[in-house]
Amino acid sequence: MGAVYYKLEYYERALEGKERLMGKAHPSTFDTVMNTAVIYEAQKDYGKAEELYERVLEGYEAQFGKDHKDTKICAKNFRNLSQDER
């Protein structure tokens, strides 16, 4: 479990840098947001994971559309999160 916490710290630092340098709506920033959501989900912090998945899904849909592969992957992760919470 220690590795999961280490990765969370790494992704949060990367996210801060990407938001500052590339902006909050850059596709690479969204990729990092999604990876951070995966880590929160692994830690069973479903509320934070949900918040991040929603952000990514909205961003991907706005930039790429609903049929883009990245959008579909995010939507699948989000659906699976809802199942994990049960």
C-alpha atoms as a PDB file:
ATOM      1  CA  MET A   1       0.000   0.000   0.000  1.00  0.00           C
ATOM      2  CA  GLY A   2       2.964   2.316   0.541  1.00  0.00           C
ATOM      3  CA  ALA A   3       3.619   2.335  -3.190  1.00  0.00           C
ATOM      4  CA  VAL A   4       0.087   3.592  -3.805  1.00  0.00           C
ATOM      5  CA  TYR A   5       0.612   6.538  -1.462  1.00  0.00           C
ATOM      6  CA  TYR A   6       3.946   7.301  -3.068  1.00  0.00           C
ATOM      7  CA  LYS A   7       2.338   7.303  -6.514  1.00  0.00           C
ATOM      8  CA  LEU A   8      -0.414   9.606  -5.300  1.00  0.00           C
ATOM      9  CA  GLU A   9       2.149  12.137  -4.154  1.00  0.00           C
ATOM     10  CA  TYR A  10       3.941  11.835  -7.488  1.00  0.00           C
ATOM     11  CA  TYR A  11       0.756  12.348  -9.520  1.00  0.00           C
ATOM     12  CA  GLU A  12      -0.421  15.264  -7.404  1.00  0.00           C
ATOM     13  CA  ARG A  13       2.917  17.023  -7.895  1.00  0.00           C
ATOM     14  CA  ALA A  14       2.822  16.315 -11.632  1.00  0.00           C
ATOM     15  CA  LEU A  15      -0.746  17.593 -11.809  1.00  0.00           C
ATOM     16  CA  GLU A  16       0.159  20.865 -10.118  1.00  0.00           C
ATOM     17  CA  GLY A  17       2.978  21.411 -12.588  1.00  0.00           C
ATOM     18  CA  LYS A  18       0.900  20.548 -15.643  1.00  0.00           C
ATOM     19  CA  GLU A  19      -1.945  22.808 -14.561  1.00  0.00           C
ATOM     20  CA  ARG A  20       0.500  25.656 -14.074  1.00  0.00           C
ATOM     21  CA  LEU A  21       2.440  25.119 -17.311  1.00  0.00           C
ATOM     22  CA  MET A  22      -0.162  23.739 -19.712  1.00  0.00           C
ATOM     23  CA  GLY A  23      -3.422  24.816 -18.165  1.00  0.00           C
ATOM     24  CA  LYS A  24      -6.272  22.921 -16.572  1.00  0.00           C
ATOM     25  CA  ALA A  25      -7.890  22.062 -19.905  1.00  0.00           C
ATOM     26  CA  HIS A  26      -4.869  20.575 -21.681  1.00  0.00           C
ATOM     27  CA  PRO A  27      -5.254  16.906 -22.765  1.00  0.00           C
ATOM     28  CA  SER A  28      -2.028  15.944 -20.995  1.00  0.00           C
ATOM     29  CA  THR A  29      -3.327  17.543 -17.809  1.00  0.00           C
ATOM     30  CA  PHE A  30      -6.527  15.505 -18.100  1.00  0.00           C
ATOM     31  CA  ASP A  31      -4.434  12.338 -18.498  1.00  0.00           C
ATOM     32  CA  THR A  32      -2.714  13.095 -15.211  1.00  0.00           C
ATOM     33  CA  VAL A  33      -6.032  13.891 -13.530  1.00  0.00           C
ATOM     34  CA  MET A  34      -7.345  10.492 -14.611  1.00  0.00           C
ATOM     35  CA  ASN A  35      -4.243   8.703 -13.355  1.00  0.00           C
ATOM     36  CA  THR A  36      -4.655  10.504 -10.038  1.00  0.00           C
ATOM     37  CA  ALA A  37      -8.290   9.371  -9.896  1.00  0.00           C
ATOM     38  CA  VAL A  38      -7.150   5.775 -10.372  1.00  0.00           C
ATOM     39  CA  ILE A  39      -4.844   6.105  -7.365  1.00  0.00           C
ATOM     40  CA  TYR A  40      -7.615   7.579  -5.201  1.00  0.00           C
ATOM     41  CA  GLU A  41      -9.871   4.730  -6.285  1.00  0.00           C
ATOM     42  CA  ALA A  42      -7.198   2.188  -5.284  1.00  0.00           C
ATOM     43  CA  GLN A  43      -7.119   3.860  -1.862  1.00  0.00           C
ATOM     44  CA  LYS A  44     -10.909   3.545  -1.709  1.00  0.00           C
ATOM     45  CA  ASP A  45     -11.314   7.325  -1.559  1.00  0.00           C
ATOM     46  CA  TYR A  46     -14.284   7.100  -3.903  1.00  0.00           C
ATOM     47  CA  GLY A  47     -15.466  10.652  -3.365  1.00  0.00           C
ATOM     48  CA  LYS A  48     -12.185  12.181  -4.556  1.00  0.00           C
ATOM     49  CA  ALA A  49     -11.912   9.667  -7.399  1.00  0.00           C
ATOM     50  CA  GLU A  50     -15.434  10.510  -8.546  1.00  0.00           C
ATOM     51  CA  GLU A  51     -14.696  14.234  -8.502  1.00  0.00           C
ATOM     52  CA  LEU A  52     -11.602  13.737 -10.668  1.00  0.00           C
ATOM     53  CA  TYR A  53     -13.250  11.301 -13.106  1.00  0.00           C
ATOM     54  CA  GLU A  54     -16.089  13.794 -13.617  1.00  0.00           C
ATOM     55  CA  ARG A  55     -13.578  16.549 -14.381  1.00  0.00           C
ATOM     56  CA  VAL A  56     -11.758  14.399 -16.923  1.00  0.00           C
ATOM     57  CA  LEU A  57     -14.917  13.098 -18.550  1.00  0.00           C
ATOM     58  CA  GLU A  58     -16.279  16.607 -19.046  1.00  0.00           C
ATOM     59  CA  GLY A  59     -12.937  17.766 -20.444  1.00  0.00           C
ATOM     60  CA  TYR A  60     -12.520  14.840 -22.814  1.00  0.00           C
ATOM     61  CA  GLU A  61     -16.088  15.161 -24.070  1.00  0.00           C
ATOM     62  CA  ALA A  62     -15.594  18.880 -24.719  1.00  0.00           C
ATOM     63  CA  GLN A  63     -12.278  18.394 -26.529  1.00  0.00           C
ATOM     64  CA  PHE A  64     -12.631  15.040 -28.245  1.00  0.00           C
ATOM     65  CA  GLY A  65     -16.321  14.126 -28.226  1.00  0.00           C
ATOM     66  CA  LYS A  66     -18.119  11.163 -26.678  1.00  0.00           C
ATOM     67  CA  ASP A  67     -16.873   8.642 -29.229  1.00  0.00           C
ATOM     68  CA  HIS A  68     -13.140   9.247 -28.732  1.00  0.00           C
ATOM     69  CA  LYS A  69     -11.221   6.333 -27.206  1.00  0.00           C
ATOM     70  CA  ASP A  70      -9.921   8.383 -24.266  1.00  0.00           C
ATOM     71  CA  THR A  71     -13.432   9.576 -23.453  1.00  0.00           C
ATOM     72  CA  LYS A  72     -14.719   6.012 -23.556  1.00  0.00           C
ATOM     73  CA  ILE A  73     -11.940   4.773 -21.271  1.00  0.00           C
ATOM     74  CA  CYS A  74     -12.700   7.501 -18.747  1.00  0.00           C
ATOM     75  CA  ALA A  75     -16.440   6.785 -18.902  1.00  0.00           C
ATOM     76  CA  LYS A  76     -15.745   3.089 -18.295  1.00  0.00           C
ATOM     77  CA  ASN A  77     -13.516   3.873 -15.303  1.00  0.00           C
ATOM     78  CA  PHE A  78     -16.224   6.159 -13.928  1.00  0.00           C
ATOM     79  CA  ARG A  79     -18.907   3.471 -14.341  1.00  0.00           C
ATOM     80  CA  ASN A  80     -16.668   0.912 -12.647  1.00  0.00           C
ATOM     81  CA  LEU A  81     -16.127   3.316  -9.759  1.00  0.00           C
ATOM     82  CA  SER A  82     -19.856   3.475  -9.213  1.00  0.00           C
ATOM     83  CA  GLN A  83     -19.912  -0.325  -8.985  1.00  0.00           C
ATOM     84  CA  ASP A  84     -16.991  -0.334  -6.523  1.00  0.00           C
ATOM     85  CA  GLU A  85     -18.882   1.965  -4.192  1.00  0.00           C
ATOM     86  CA  ARG A  86     -21.724  -0.528  -3.736  1.00  0.00           C
END
